[in-house]
PDB file of N, CA and C in Angstrom:
ATOM      1  N   MET A   1     -92.723 -35.886 -65.181  1.00  0.00           N
ATOM      2  CA  MET A   1     -91.571 -36.708 -64.921  1.00  0.00           C
ATOM      3  C   MET A   1     -91.627 -37.923 -65.851  1.00  0.00           C
ATOM      4  N   PRO A   2     -90.830 -37.950 -66.899  1.00  0.00           N
ATOM      5  CA  PRO A   2     -90.890 -39.070 -67.837  1.00  0.00           C
ATOM      6  C   PRO A   2     -90.331 -40.333 -67.207  1.00  0.00           C
ATOM      7  N   GLY A   3     -90.973 -41.449 -67.488  1.00  0.00           N
ATOM      8  CA  GLY A   3     -90.504 -42.737 -66.979  1.00  0.00           C
ATOM      9  C   GLY A   3     -89.547 -43.376 -67.966  1.00  0.00           C
ATOM     10  N   PHE A   4     -89.004 -44.483 -67.569  1.00  0.00           N
ATOM     11  CA  PHE A   4     -88.151 -45.212 -68.481  1.00  0.00           C
ATOM     12  C   PHE A   4     -88.578 -46.665 -68.458  1.00  0.00           C
ATOM     13  N   CYS A   5     -88.224 -47.375 -69.482  1.00  0.00           N
ATOM     14  CA  CYS A   5     -88.635 -48.760 -69.629  1.00  0.00           C
ATOM     15  C   CYS A   5     -87.510 -49.662 -69.140  1.00  0.00           C
ATOM     16  N   TRP A   6     -87.840 -50.570 -68.272  1.00  0.00           N
ATOM     17  CA  TRP A   6     -86.863 -51.494 -67.736  1.00  0.00           C
ATOM     18  C   TRP A   6     -87.212 -52.883 -68.226  1.00  0.00           C
ATOM     19  N   ARG A   7     -86.241 -53.640 -68.647  1.00  0.00           N
ATOM     20  CA  ARG A   7     -86.488 -54.947 -69.232  1.00  0.00           C
ATOM     21  C   ARG A   7     -85.554 -55.970 -68.622  1.00  0.00           C
ATOM     22  N   TRP A   8     -86.098 -57.141 -68.310  1.00  0.00           N
ATOM     23  CA  TRP A   8     -85.269 -58.246 -67.839  1.00  0.00           C
ATOM     24  C   TRP A   8     -84.305 -58.653 -68.929  1.00  0.00           C
ATOM     25  N   ARG A   9     -83.135 -59.101 -68.554  1.00  0.00           N
ATOM     26  CA  ARG A   9     -82.217 -59.703 -69.520  1.00  0.00           C
ATOM     27  C   ARG A   9     -82.625 -61.148 -69.687  1.00  0.00           C
ATOM     28  N   HIS A  10     -83.298 -61.437 -70.776  1.00  0.00           N
ATOM     29  CA  HIS A  10     -83.851 -62.768 -70.991  1.00  0.00           C
ATOM     30  C   HIS A  10     -82.935 -63.562 -71.911  1.00  0.00           C
ATOM     31  N   VAL A  11     -82.504 -64.707 -71.452  1.00  0.00           N
ATOM     32  CA  VAL A  11     -81.714 -65.607 -72.276  1.00  0.00           C
ATOM     33  C   VAL A  11     -82.693 -66.345 -73.171  1.00  0.00           C
ATOM     34  N   HIS A  12     -82.364 -66.414 -74.452  1.00  0.00           N
ATOM     35  CA  HIS A  12     -83.268 -67.077 -75.393  1.00  0.00           C
ATOM     36  C   HIS A  12     -83.375 -68.546 -75.052  1.00  0.00           C
ATOM     37  N   GLY A  13     -84.572 -69.005 -74.924  1.00  0.00           N
ATOM     38  CA  GLY A  13     -84.829 -70.388 -74.575  1.00  0.00           C
ATOM     39  C   GLY A  13     -86.322 -70.615 -74.545  1.00  0.00           C
ATOM     40  N   PRO A  14     -86.743 -71.714 -73.951  1.00  0.00           N
ATOM     41  CA  PRO A  14     -88.176 -71.997 -73.922  1.00  0.00           C
ATOM     42  C   PRO A  14     -88.927 -70.997 -73.058  1.00  0.00           C
ATOM     43  N   GLY A  15     -90.166 -70.808 -73.384  1.00  0.00           N
ATOM     44  CA  GLY A  15     -91.000 -69.893 -72.616  1.00  0.00           C
ATOM     45  C   GLY A  15     -91.156 -68.554 -73.299  1.00  0.00           C
ATOM     46  N   ARG A  16     -92.067 -67.801 -72.775  1.00  0.00           N
ATOM     47  CA  ARG A  16     -92.384 -66.487 -73.334  1.00  0.00           C
ATOM     48  C   ARG A  16     -91.422 -65.443 -72.787  1.00  0.00           C
ATOM     49  N   PRO A  17     -90.944 -64.521 -73.625  1.00  0.00           N
ATOM     50  CA  PRO A  17     -90.058 -63.464 -73.119  1.00  0.00           C
ATOM     51  C   PRO A  17     -90.796 -62.552 -72.140  1.00  0.00           C
ATOM     52  N   MET A  18     -90.039 -61.978 -71.216  1.00  0.00           N
ATOM     53  CA  MET A  18     -90.625 -61.100 -70.206  1.00  0.00           C
ATOM     54  C   MET A  18     -91.129 -59.809 -70.851  1.00  0.00           C
ATOM     55  N   LYS A  19     -92.264 -59.334 -70.374  1.00  0.00           N
ATOM     56  CA  LYS A  19     -92.835 -58.085 -70.842  1.00  0.00           C
ATOM     57  C   LYS A  19     -92.108 -56.930 -70.149  1.00  0.00           C
ATOM     58  N   PRO A  20     -91.753 -55.870 -70.869  1.00  0.00           N
ATOM     59  CA  PRO A  20     -91.070 -54.752 -70.204  1.00  0.00           C
ATOM     60  C   PRO A  20     -91.981 -54.074 -69.190  1.00  0.00           C
ATOM     61  N   ARG A  21     -91.402 -53.604 -68.084  1.00  0.00           N
ATOM     62  CA  ARG A  21     -92.149 -52.919 -67.043  1.00  0.00           C
ATOM     63  C   ARG A  21     -91.773 -51.436 -67.055  1.00  0.00           C
ATOM     64  N   MET A  22     -92.759 -50.582 -66.838  1.00  0.00           N
ATOM     65  CA  MET A  22     -92.495 -49.149 -66.778  1.00  0.00           C
ATOM     66  C   MET A  22     -92.137 -48.784 -65.336  1.00  0.00           C
ATOM     67  N   ILE A  23     -90.963 -48.206 -65.164  1.00  0.00           N
ATOM     68  CA  ILE A  23     -90.483 -47.770 -63.857  1.00  0.00           C
ATOM     69  C   ILE A  23     -90.446 -46.242 -63.892  1.00  0.00           C
ATOM     70  N   SER A  24     -91.067 -45.591 -62.896  1.00  0.00           N
ATOM     71  CA  SER A  24     -91.194 -44.135 -62.925  1.00  0.00           C
ATOM     72  C   SER A  24     -89.850 -43.439 -62.770  1.00  0.00           C
ATOM     73  N   GLU A  25     -89.016 -43.906 -61.859  1.00  0.00           N
ATOM     74  CA  GLU A  25     -87.697 -43.319 -61.662  1.00  0.00           C
ATOM     75  C   GLU A  25     -86.813 -44.319 -60.946  1.00  0.00           C
ATOM     76  N   LYS A  26     -85.519 -44.162 -61.120  1.00  0.00           N
ATOM     77  CA  LYS A  26     -84.595 -45.044 -60.414  1.00  0.00           C
ATOM     78  C   LYS A  26     -84.605 -44.681 -58.933  1.00  0.00           C
ATOM     79  N   PRO A  27     -84.455 -45.673 -58.054  1.00  0.00           N
ATOM     80  CA  PRO A  27     -84.487 -45.374 -56.617  1.00  0.00           C
ATOM     81  C   PRO A  27     -83.320 -44.491 -56.194  1.00  0.00           C
ATOM     82  N   LYS A  28     -83.579 -43.635 -55.224  1.00  0.00           N
ATOM     83  CA  LYS A  28     -82.537 -42.732 -54.724  1.00  0.00           C
ATOM     84  C   LYS A  28     -81.510 -43.480 -53.885  1.00  0.00           C
ATOM     85  N   VAL A  29     -81.940 -44.531 -53.195  1.00  0.00           N
ATOM     86  CA  VAL A  29     -81.052 -45.355 -52.377  1.00  0.00           C
ATOM     87  C   VAL A  29     -81.034 -46.744 -52.987  1.00  0.00           C
ATOM     88  N   VAL A  30     -79.857 -47.281 -53.263  1.00  0.00           N
ATOM     89  CA  VAL A  30     -79.771 -48.605 -53.878  1.00  0.00           C
ATOM     90  C   VAL A  30     -79.316 -49.678 -52.902  1.00  0.00           C
ATOM     91  N   SER A  31     -78.976 -49.295 -51.687  1.00  0.00           N
ATOM     92  CA  SER A  31     -78.647 -50.298 -50.680  1.00  0.00           C
ATOM     93  C   SER A  31     -78.980 -49.757 -49.300  1.00  0.00           C
ATOM     94  N   PHE A  32     -79.307 -50.690 -48.415  1.00  0.00           N
ATOM     95  CA  PHE A  32     -79.618 -50.335 -47.038  1.00  0.00           C
ATOM     96  C   PHE A  32     -78.983 -51.385 -46.147  1.00  0.00           C
ATOM     97  N   ASN A  33     -78.199 -50.934 -45.185  1.00  0.00           N
ATOM     98  CA  ASN A  33     -77.551 -51.844 -44.265  1.00  0.00           C
ATOM     99  C   ASN A  33     -77.960 -51.454 -42.844  1.00  0.00           C
ATOM    100  N   PRO A  34     -78.785 -52.292 -42.177  1.00  0.00           N
ATOM    101  CA  PRO A  34     -79.186 -51.952 -40.819  1.00  0.00           C
ATOM    102  C   PRO A  34     -77.995 -52.000 -39.867  1.00  0.00           C
ATOM    103  N   VAL A  35     -78.114 -51.328 -38.752  1.00  0.00           N
ATOM    104  CA  VAL A  35     -77.045 -51.327 -37.756  1.00  0.00           C
ATOM    105  C   VAL A  35     -76.801 -52.766 -37.319  1.00  0.00           C
ATOM    106  N   GLY A  36     -75.572 -53.198 -37.442  1.00  0.00           N
ATOM    107  CA  GLY A  36     -75.232 -54.576 -37.099  1.00  0.00           C
ATOM    108  C   GLY A  36     -75.697 -55.572 -38.137  1.00  0.00           C
ATOM    109  N   GLY A  37     -76.003 -55.095 -39.355  1.00  0.00           N
ATOM    110  CA  GLY A  37     -76.460 -55.985 -40.417  1.00  0.00           C
ATOM    111  C   GLY A  37     -75.400 -57.009 -40.762  1.00  0.00           C
ATOM    112  N   ARG A  38     -75.803 -58.238 -40.918  1.00  0.00           N
ATOM    113  CA  ARG A  38     -74.854 -59.305 -41.190  1.00  0.00           C
ATOM    114  C   ARG A  38     -75.465 -60.267 -42.197  1.00  0.00           C
ATOM    115  N   GLY A  39     -74.590 -61.005 -42.836  1.00  0.00           N
ATOM    116  CA  GLY A  39     -75.053 -62.020 -43.768  1.00  0.00           C
ATOM    117  C   GLY A  39     -75.090 -61.516 -45.199  1.00  0.00           C
ATOM    118  N   GLU A  40     -75.522 -62.399 -46.058  1.00  0.00           N
ATOM    119  CA  GLU A  40     -75.635 -62.118 -47.491  1.00  0.00           C
ATOM    120  C   GLU A  40     -76.770 -61.121 -47.714  1.00  0.00           C
ATOM    121  N   PRO A  41     -76.544 -60.079 -48.527  1.00  0.00           N
ATOM    122  CA  PRO A  41     -77.619 -59.102 -48.749  1.00  0.00           C
ATOM    123  C   PRO A  41     -78.783 -59.695 -49.532  1.00  0.00           C
ATOM    124  N   ILE A  42     -79.961 -59.219 -49.238  1.00  0.00           N
ATOM    125  CA  ILE A  42     -81.171 -59.601 -49.966  1.00  0.00           C
ATOM    126  C   ILE A  42     -81.295 -58.657 -51.150  1.00  0.00           C
ATOM    127  N   THR A  43     -81.538 -59.194 -52.341  1.00  0.00           N
ATOM    128  CA  THR A  43     -81.625 -58.359 -53.534  1.00  0.00           C
ATOM    129  C   THR A  43     -83.093 -58.152 -53.922  1.00  0.00           C
ATOM    130  N   LEU A  44     -83.447 -56.910 -54.139  1.00  0.00           N
ATOM    131  CA  LEU A  44     -84.778 -56.502 -54.558  1.00  0.00           C
ATOM    132  C   LEU A  44     -84.641 -55.969 -55.985  1.00  0.00           C
ATOM    133  N   THR A  45     -85.429 -56.482 -56.918  1.00  0.00           N
ATOM    134  CA  THR A  45     -85.340 -56.025 -58.299  1.00  0.00           C
ATOM    135  C   THR A  45     -86.108 -54.711 -58.460  1.00  0.00           C
ATOM    136  N   LEU A  46     -85.861 -54.035 -59.579  1.00  0.00           N
ATOM    137  CA  LEU A  46     -86.529 -52.753 -59.826  1.00  0.00           C
ATOM    138  C   LEU A  46     -88.046 -52.886 -59.920  1.00  0.00           C
ATOM    139  N   ASP A  47     -88.535 -53.956 -60.548  1.00  0.00           N
ATOM    140  CA  ASP A  47     -89.988 -54.093 -60.653  1.00  0.00           C
ATOM    141  C   ASP A  47     -90.617 -54.392 -59.296  1.00  0.00           C
ATOM    142  N   GLU A  48     -89.928 -55.143 -58.423  1.00  0.00           N
ATOM    143  CA  GLU A  48     -90.433 -55.373 -57.076  1.00  0.00           C
ATOM    144  C   GLU A  48     -90.441 -54.069 -56.276  1.00  0.00           C
ATOM    145  N   PHE A  49     -89.382 -53.285 -56.421  1.00  0.00           N
ATOM    146  CA  PHE A  49     -89.311 -51.987 -55.746  1.00  0.00           C
ATOM    147  C   PHE A  49     -90.437 -51.071 -56.202  1.00  0.00           C
ATOM    148  N   GLU A  50     -90.669 -51.007 -57.507  1.00  0.00           N
ATOM    149  CA  GLU A  50     -91.708 -50.129 -58.056  1.00  0.00           C
ATOM    150  C   GLU A  50     -93.098 -50.561 -57.576  1.00  0.00           C
ATOM    151  N   ALA A  51     -93.365 -51.870 -57.569  1.00  0.00           N
ATOM    152  CA  ALA A  51     -94.661 -52.363 -57.100  1.00  0.00           C
ATOM    153  C   ALA A  51     -94.870 -52.019 -55.628  1.00  0.00           C
ATOM    154  N   LEU A  52     -93.844 -52.207 -54.808  1.00  0.00           N
ATOM    155  CA  LEU A  52     -93.929 -51.883 -53.385  1.00  0.00           C
ATOM    156  C   LEU A  52     -94.153 -50.387 -53.171  1.00  0.00           C
ATOM    157  N   LYS A  53     -93.461 -49.567 -53.963  1.00  0.00           N
ATOM    158  CA  LYS A  53     -93.599 -48.116 -53.836  1.00  0.00           C
ATOM    159  C   LYS A  53     -95.000 -47.657 -54.228  1.00  0.00           C
ATOM    160  N   LEU A  54     -95.503 -48.154 -55.357  1.00  0.00           N
ATOM    161  CA  LEU A  54     -96.812 -47.705 -55.838  1.00  0.00           C
ATOM    162  C   LEU A  54     -97.948 -48.120 -54.911  1.00  0.00           C
ATOM    163  N   VAL A  55     -97.926 -49.364 -54.441  1.00  0.00           N
ATOM    164  CA  VAL A  55     -99.053 -49.866 -53.655  1.00  0.00           C
ATOM    165  C   VAL A  55     -98.936 -49.486 -52.177  1.00  0.00           C
ATOM    166  N   ASP A  56     -97.799 -49.768 -51.563  1.00  0.00           N
ATOM    167  CA  ASP A  56     -97.680 -49.565 -50.118  1.00  0.00           C
ATOM    168  C   ASP A  56     -97.287 -48.144 -49.736  1.00  0.00           C
ATOM    169  N   TYR A  57     -96.483 -47.486 -50.528  1.00  0.00           N
ATOM    170  CA  TYR A  57     -96.021 -46.139 -50.174  1.00  0.00           C
ATOM    171  C   TYR A  57     -96.957 -45.054 -50.710  1.00  0.00           C
ATOM    172  N   LEU A  58     -97.316 -45.158 -51.994  1.00  0.00           N
ATOM    173  CA  LEU A  58     -98.161 -44.125 -52.603  1.00  0.00           C
ATOM    174  C   LEU A  58     -99.654 -44.420 -52.496  1.00  0.00           C
ATOM    175  N   GLY A  59    -100.030 -45.641 -52.117  1.00  0.00           N
ATOM    176  CA  GLY A  59    -101.433 -45.963 -51.882  1.00  0.00           C
ATOM    177  C   GLY A  59    -102.270 -46.239 -53.117  1.00  0.00           C
ATOM    178  N   PHE A  60    -101.657 -46.608 -54.227  1.00  0.00           N
ATOM    179  CA  PHE A  60    -102.414 -46.957 -55.424  1.00  0.00           C
ATOM    180  C   PHE A  60    -103.121 -48.292 -55.207  1.00  0.00           C
ATOM    181  N   LEU A  61    -104.253 -48.488 -55.860  1.00  0.00           N
ATOM    182  CA  LEU A  61    -104.870 -49.803 -55.907  1.00  0.00           C
ATOM    183  C   LEU A  61    -104.032 -50.683 -56.831  1.00  0.00           C
ATOM    184  N   GLN A  62    -104.155 -52.002 -56.678  1.00  0.00           N
ATOM    185  CA  GLN A  62    -103.345 -52.892 -57.506  1.00  0.00           C
ATOM    186  C   GLN A  62    -103.646 -52.709 -58.990  1.00  0.00           C
ATOM    187  N   GLU A  63    -104.901 -52.479 -59.341  1.00  0.00           N
ATOM    188  CA  GLU A  63    -105.258 -52.274 -60.748  1.00  0.00           C
ATOM    189  C   GLU A  63    -104.579 -51.013 -61.303  1.00  0.00           C
ATOM    190  N   GLU A  64    -104.594 -49.938 -60.509  1.00  0.00           N
ATOM    191  CA  GLU A  64    -103.972 -48.681 -60.940  1.00  0.00           C
ATOM    192  C   GLU A  64    -102.457 -48.835 -61.067  1.00  0.00           C
ATOM    193  N   ALA A  65    -101.848 -49.505 -60.098  1.00  0.00           N
ATOM    194  CA  ALA A  65    -100.398 -49.701 -60.129  1.00  0.00           C
ATOM    195  C   ALA A  65     -99.998 -50.580 -61.305  1.00  0.00           C
ATOM    196  N   ALA A  66    -100.785 -51.617 -61.585  1.00  0.00           N
ATOM    197  CA  ALA A  66    -100.488 -52.495 -62.717  1.00  0.00           C
ATOM    198  C   ALA A  66    -100.573 -51.734 -64.034  1.00  0.00           C
ATOM    199  N   PHE A  67    -101.588 -50.885 -64.163  1.00  0.00           N
ATOM    200  CA  PHE A  67    -101.728 -50.069 -65.373  1.00  0.00           C
ATOM    201  C   PHE A  67    -100.537 -49.129 -65.519  1.00  0.00           C
ATOM    202  N   LYS A  68    -100.122 -48.518 -64.407  1.00  0.00           N
ATOM    203  CA  LYS A  68     -99.003 -47.577 -64.435  1.00  0.00           C
ATOM    204  C   LYS A  68     -97.697 -48.276 -64.834  1.00  0.00           C
ATOM    205  N   MET A  69     -97.515 -49.533 -64.392  1.00  0.00           N
ATOM    206  CA  MET A  69     -96.311 -50.293 -64.731  1.00  0.00           C
ATOM    207  C   MET A  69     -96.416 -50.974 -66.096  1.00  0.00           C
ATOM    208  N   GLY A  70     -97.616 -51.058 -66.660  1.00  0.00           N
ATOM    209  CA  GLY A  70     -97.800 -51.686 -67.964  1.00  0.00           C
ATOM    210  C   GLY A  70     -97.806 -53.201 -67.910  1.00  0.00           C
ATOM    211  N   VAL A  71     -98.272 -53.765 -66.788  1.00  0.00           N
ATOM    212  CA  VAL A  71     -98.331 -55.223 -66.637  1.00  0.00           C
ATOM    213  C   VAL A  71     -99.721 -55.610 -66.153  1.00  0.00           C
ATOM    214  N   SER A  72     -99.990 -56.910 -66.082  1.00  0.00           N
ATOM    215  CA  SER A  72    -101.278 -57.373 -65.573  1.00  0.00           C
ATOM    216  C   SER A  72    -101.302 -57.264 -64.055  1.00  0.00           C
ATOM    217  N   ARG A  73    -102.506 -57.343 -63.500  1.00  0.00           N
ATOM    218  CA  ARG A  73    -102.638 -57.268 -62.051  1.00  0.00           C
ATOM    219  C   ARG A  73    -101.991 -58.479 -61.379  1.00  0.00           C
ATOM    220  N   GLY A  74    -102.060 -59.643 -62.027  1.00  0.00           N
ATOM    221  CA  GLY A  74    -101.424 -60.844 -61.483  1.00  0.00           C
ATOM    222  C   GLY A  74     -99.910 -60.706 -61.405  1.00  0.00           C
ATOM    223  N   THR A  75     -99.322 -60.122 -62.440  1.00  0.00           N
ATOM    224  CA  THR A  75     -97.882 -59.893 -62.433  1.00  0.00           C
ATOM    225  C   THR A  75     -97.501 -58.910 -61.343  1.00  0.00           C
ATOM    226  N   LEU A  76     -98.285 -57.845 -61.208  1.00  0.00           N
ATOM    227  CA  LEU A  76     -98.018 -56.877 -60.146  1.00  0.00           C
ATOM    228  C   LEU A  76     -98.135 -57.544 -58.777  1.00  0.00           C
ATOM    229  N   TRP A  77     -99.146 -58.393 -58.587  1.00  0.00           N
ATOM    230  CA  TRP A  77     -99.334 -59.064 -57.311  1.00  0.00           C
ATOM    231  C   TRP A  77     -98.130 -59.941 -56.976  1.00  0.00           C
ATOM    232  N   ARG A  78     -97.591 -60.673 -57.966  1.00  0.00           N
ATOM    233  CA  ARG A  78     -96.416 -61.511 -57.723  1.00  0.00           C
ATOM    234  C   ARG A  78     -95.201 -60.671 -57.351  1.00  0.00           C
ATOM    235  N   CYS A  79     -94.986 -59.558 -58.058  1.00  0.00           N
ATOM    236  CA  CYS A  79     -93.870 -58.653 -57.729  1.00  0.00           C
ATOM    237  C   CYS A  79     -94.031 -58.094 -56.317  1.00  0.00           C
ATOM    238  N   LEU A  80     -95.240 -57.680 -55.982  1.00  0.00           N
ATOM    239  CA  LEU A  80     -95.515 -57.107 -54.671  1.00  0.00           C
ATOM    240  C   LEU A  80     -95.334 -58.145 -53.566  1.00  0.00           C
ATOM    241  N   ASN A  81     -95.808 -59.359 -53.794  1.00  0.00           N
ATOM    242  CA  ASN A  81     -95.672 -60.432 -52.816  1.00  0.00           C
ATOM    243  C   ASN A  81     -94.195 -60.758 -52.564  1.00  0.00           C
ATOM    244  N   ASN A  82     -93.404 -60.852 -53.633  1.00  0.00           N
ATOM    245  CA  ASN A  82     -91.972 -61.111 -53.493  1.00  0.00           C
ATOM    246  C   ASN A  82     -91.278 -59.980 -52.737  1.00  0.00           C
ATOM    247  N   ALA A  83     -91.624 -58.746 -53.064  1.00  0.00           N
ATOM    248  CA  ALA A  83     -90.994 -57.592 -52.408  1.00  0.00           C
ATOM    249  C   ALA A  83     -91.322 -57.565 -50.923  1.00  0.00           C
ATOM    250  N   ARG A  84     -92.572 -57.796 -50.572  1.00  0.00           N
ATOM    251  CA  ARG A  84     -92.960 -57.791 -49.158  1.00  0.00           C
ATOM    252  C   ARG A  84     -92.247 -58.899 -48.390  1.00  0.00           C
ATOM    253  N   ARG A  85     -92.122 -60.086 -49.001  1.00  0.00           N
ATOM    254  CA  ARG A  85     -91.439 -61.196 -48.343  1.00  0.00           C
ATOM    255  C   ARG A  85     -89.965 -60.877 -48.122  1.00  0.00           C
ATOM    256  N   LYS A  86     -89.328 -60.251 -49.111  1.00  0.00           N
ATOM    257  CA  LYS A  86     -87.912 -59.907 -49.000  1.00  0.00           C
ATOM    258  C   LYS A  86     -87.678 -58.819 -47.952  1.00  0.00           C
ATOM    259  N   VAL A  87     -88.539 -57.808 -47.908  1.00  0.00           N
ATOM    260  CA  VAL A  87     -88.387 -56.741 -46.913  1.00  0.00           C
ATOM    261  C   VAL A  87     -88.622 -57.295 -45.508  1.00  0.00           C
ATOM    262  N   ALA A  88     -89.600 -58.182 -45.358  1.00  0.00           N
ATOM    263  CA  ALA A  88     -89.840 -58.806 -44.055  1.00  0.00           C
ATOM    264  C   ALA A  88     -88.637 -59.643 -43.625  1.00  0.00           C
ATOM    265  N   ALA A  89     -88.054 -60.397 -44.551  1.00  0.00           N
ATOM    266  CA  ALA A  89     -86.869 -61.200 -44.224  1.00  0.00           C
ATOM    267  C   ALA A  89     -85.709 -60.302 -43.834  1.00  0.00           C
ATOM    268  N   MET A  90     -85.561 -59.162 -44.514  1.00  0.00           N
ATOM    269  CA  MET A  90     -84.491 -58.223 -44.180  1.00  0.00           C
ATOM    270  C   MET A  90     -84.652 -57.703 -42.758  1.00  0.00           C
ATOM    271  N   ILE A  91     -85.871 -57.375 -42.359  1.00  0.00           N
ATOM    272  CA  ILE A  91     -86.114 -56.849 -41.022  1.00  0.00           C
ATOM    273  C   ILE A  91     -85.916 -57.935 -39.963  1.00  0.00           C
ATOM    274  N   VAL A  92     -86.493 -59.105 -40.184  1.00  0.00           N
ATOM    275  CA  VAL A  92     -86.434 -60.181 -39.189  1.00  0.00           C
ATOM    276  C   VAL A  92     -85.014 -60.716 -39.024  1.00  0.00           C
ATOM    277  N   GLU A  93     -84.312 -60.932 -40.145  1.00  0.00           N
ATOM    278  CA  GLU A  93     -82.981 -61.528 -40.109  1.00  0.00           C
ATOM    279  C   GLU A  93     -81.872 -60.502 -39.932  1.00  0.00           C
ATOM    280  N   GLY A  94     -82.190 -59.209 -40.060  1.00  0.00           N
ATOM    281  CA  GLY A  94     -81.189 -58.159 -39.910  1.00  0.00           C
ATOM    282  C   GLY A  94     -80.146 -58.154 -41.015  1.00  0.00           C
ATOM    283  N   ARG A  95     -80.562 -58.538 -42.224  1.00  0.00           N
ATOM    284  CA  ARG A  95     -79.649 -58.604 -43.368  1.00  0.00           C
ATOM    285  C   ARG A  95     -79.706 -57.324 -44.176  1.00  0.00           C
ATOM    286  N   PRO A  96     -78.626 -56.994 -44.885  1.00  0.00           N
ATOM    287  CA  PRO A  96     -78.644 -55.814 -45.765  1.00  0.00           C
ATOM    288  C   PRO A  96     -79.582 -56.028 -46.948  1.00  0.00           C
ATOM    289  N   LEU A  97     -80.013 -54.926 -47.556  1.00  0.00           N
ATOM    290  CA  LEU A  97     -80.903 -54.952 -48.713  1.00  0.00           C
ATOM    291  C   LEU A  97     -80.250 -54.189 -49.848  1.00  0.00           C
ATOM    292  N   ARG A  98     -80.284 -54.771 -51.061  1.00  0.00           N
ATOM    293  CA  ARG A  98     -79.765 -54.099 -52.258  1.00  0.00           C
ATOM    294  C   ARG A  98     -80.853 -54.068 -53.309  1.00  0.00           C
ATOM    295  N   ILE A  99     -80.936 -52.950 -54.035  1.00  0.00           N
ATOM    296  CA  ILE A  99     -81.862 -52.841 -55.163  1.00  0.00           C
ATOM    297  C   ILE A  99     -81.015 -52.910 -56.434  1.00  0.00           C
ATOM    298  N   VAL A 100     -81.312 -53.887 -57.293  1.00  0.00           N
ATOM    299  CA  VAL A 100     -80.496 -54.118 -58.486  1.00  0.00           C
ATOM    300  C   VAL A 100     -81.329 -53.946 -59.747  1.00  0.00           C
ATOM    301  N   ASP A 101     -80.632 -53.664 -60.850  1.00  0.00           N
ATOM    302  CA  ASP A 101     -81.285 -53.550 -62.168  1.00  0.00           C
ATOM    303  C   ASP A 101     -81.653 -54.914 -62.686  1.00  0.00           C
TER     304      ASP A 101
END
């Protein structure tokens, strides 16, 4: 199953450009609305989705998942931490979830 390269749209300015992340496949579901879901949807980026899938769903170690995505372990940890916080907020607050490019 060939992967594809996903890249942030970086506006030229100060700082280092974002490193491209390898995403294995696009998600099958791009939005989730719980029963009675209300409020502004929470947006999950593709790299956060991929980190959550590799570590929590497929059971990869963080080092293995980082290698698979082509990023450092620290970057993977930040993506994973953000994804877990967003999914927890979606469950607790009952808000819809969207996965965006």
